[in-house]
């Protein structure tokens, strides 16, 4: 089974992140993934996501790791 990533438009997906990470899934975050009208900056969203990942005992992917994964997937 492949890893899953929650997605939505103008939806706050952060409540799904802990469970997604615990199940081995992937998350993405940024202003384009934030609820419409959010006052959080991109940096604040990323810092929160990194904290959630680390709190689950996982490590955020590095840019090099993501490039490699995308290349392997043919993206």
Protein backbone atom coordinates (compact mmCIF):
# COMPACT_ATOMS: atom_id res chain seq x y z
CA UNK A 1 0.00 0.00 0.00
CA UNK A 2 1.31 3.46 -0.81
CA UNK A 3 1.46 6.30 1.68
CA UNK A 4 -1.49 8.66 1.72
CA UNK A 5 -1.64 12.44 1.95
CA UNK A 6 -4.75 14.33 3.10
CA UNK A 7 -5.79 17.13 0.78
CA UNK A 8 -8.50 19.75 0.52
CA UNK A 9 -9.28 23.21 -0.78
CA UNK A 10 -9.53 26.03 1.78
CA UNK A 11 -9.71 23.37 4.50
CA UNK A 12 -7.79 23.15 7.76
CA UNK A 13 -6.19 19.73 7.45
CA UNK A 14 -3.93 20.12 10.49
CA UNK A 15 -6.25 18.06 12.74
CA UNK A 16 -5.57 15.11 10.41
CA UNK A 17 -1.79 15.39 10.51
CA UNK A 18 -1.07 13.45 13.72
CA UNK A 19 -3.03 10.41 12.56
CA UNK A 20 -1.62 10.65 9.03
CA UNK A 21 1.96 10.70 10.33
CA UNK A 22 1.27 7.85 12.78
CA UNK A 23 0.01 5.72 9.87
CA UNK A 24 3.12 6.44 7.80
CA UNK A 25 1.44 8.95 5.54
CA UNK A 26 2.77 12.22 4.24
CA UNK A 27 1.69 15.77 4.90
CA UNK A 28 2.18 18.98 3.00
CA UNK A 29 1.72 22.47 4.31
CA UNK A 30 1.92 26.00 3.07
CA UNK A 31 -0.29 28.96 2.38
CA UNK A 32 -1.86 27.16 -0.58
CA UNK A 33 -2.96 24.41 1.85
CA UNK A 34 -4.24 26.72 4.60
CA UNK A 35 -7.85 27.71 5.20
CA UNK A 36 -8.95 30.76 3.25
CA UNK A 37 -8.29 33.90 5.28
CA UNK A 38 -5.65 32.38 7.56
CA UNK A 39 -3.49 34.91 9.37
CA UNK A 40 -0.61 32.45 9.85
CA UNK A 41 2.49 32.98 7.75
CA UNK A 42 3.97 30.23 5.62
CA UNK A 43 6.87 30.00 8.08
CA UNK A 44 4.48 29.55 11.02
CA UNK A 45 2.60 26.79 9.19
CA UNK A 46 5.82 24.97 8.30
CA UNK A 47 7.21 25.28 11.84
CA UNK A 48 3.99 23.82 13.25
CA UNK A 49 4.09 20.92 10.78
CA UNK A 50 7.75 20.18 11.60
CA UNK A 51 6.91 20.15 15.31
CA UNK A 52 4.01 17.74 14.72
CA UNK A 53 6.22 15.42 12.66
CA UNK A 54 8.96 15.41 15.29
CA UNK A 55 6.44 14.93 18.13
CA UNK A 56 5.39 11.72 16.35
CA UNK A 57 8.99 10.48 16.40
CA UNK A 58 9.45 11.04 12.68
CA UNK A 59 11.72 13.39 10.76
CA UNK A 60 10.69 15.86 8.07
CA UNK A 61 12.04 15.05 4.62
CA UNK A 62 14.90 17.16 3.39
CA UNK A 63 14.66 18.93 0.01
CA UNK A 64 17.12 16.38 -1.42
CA UNK A 65 15.01 13.46 -0.15
CA UNK A 66 11.88 14.95 -1.71
CA UNK A 67 13.60 15.53 -5.05
CA UNK A 68 14.75 11.91 -5.03
CA UNK A 69 11.28 10.61 -4.13
CA UNK A 70 9.61 12.70 -6.83
CA UNK A 71 12.15 11.58 -9.42
CA UNK A 72 11.59 7.94 -8.46
CA UNK A 73 7.83 8.43 -8.78
CA UNK A 74 8.25 9.89 -12.26
CA UNK A 75 6.84 13.28 -11.31
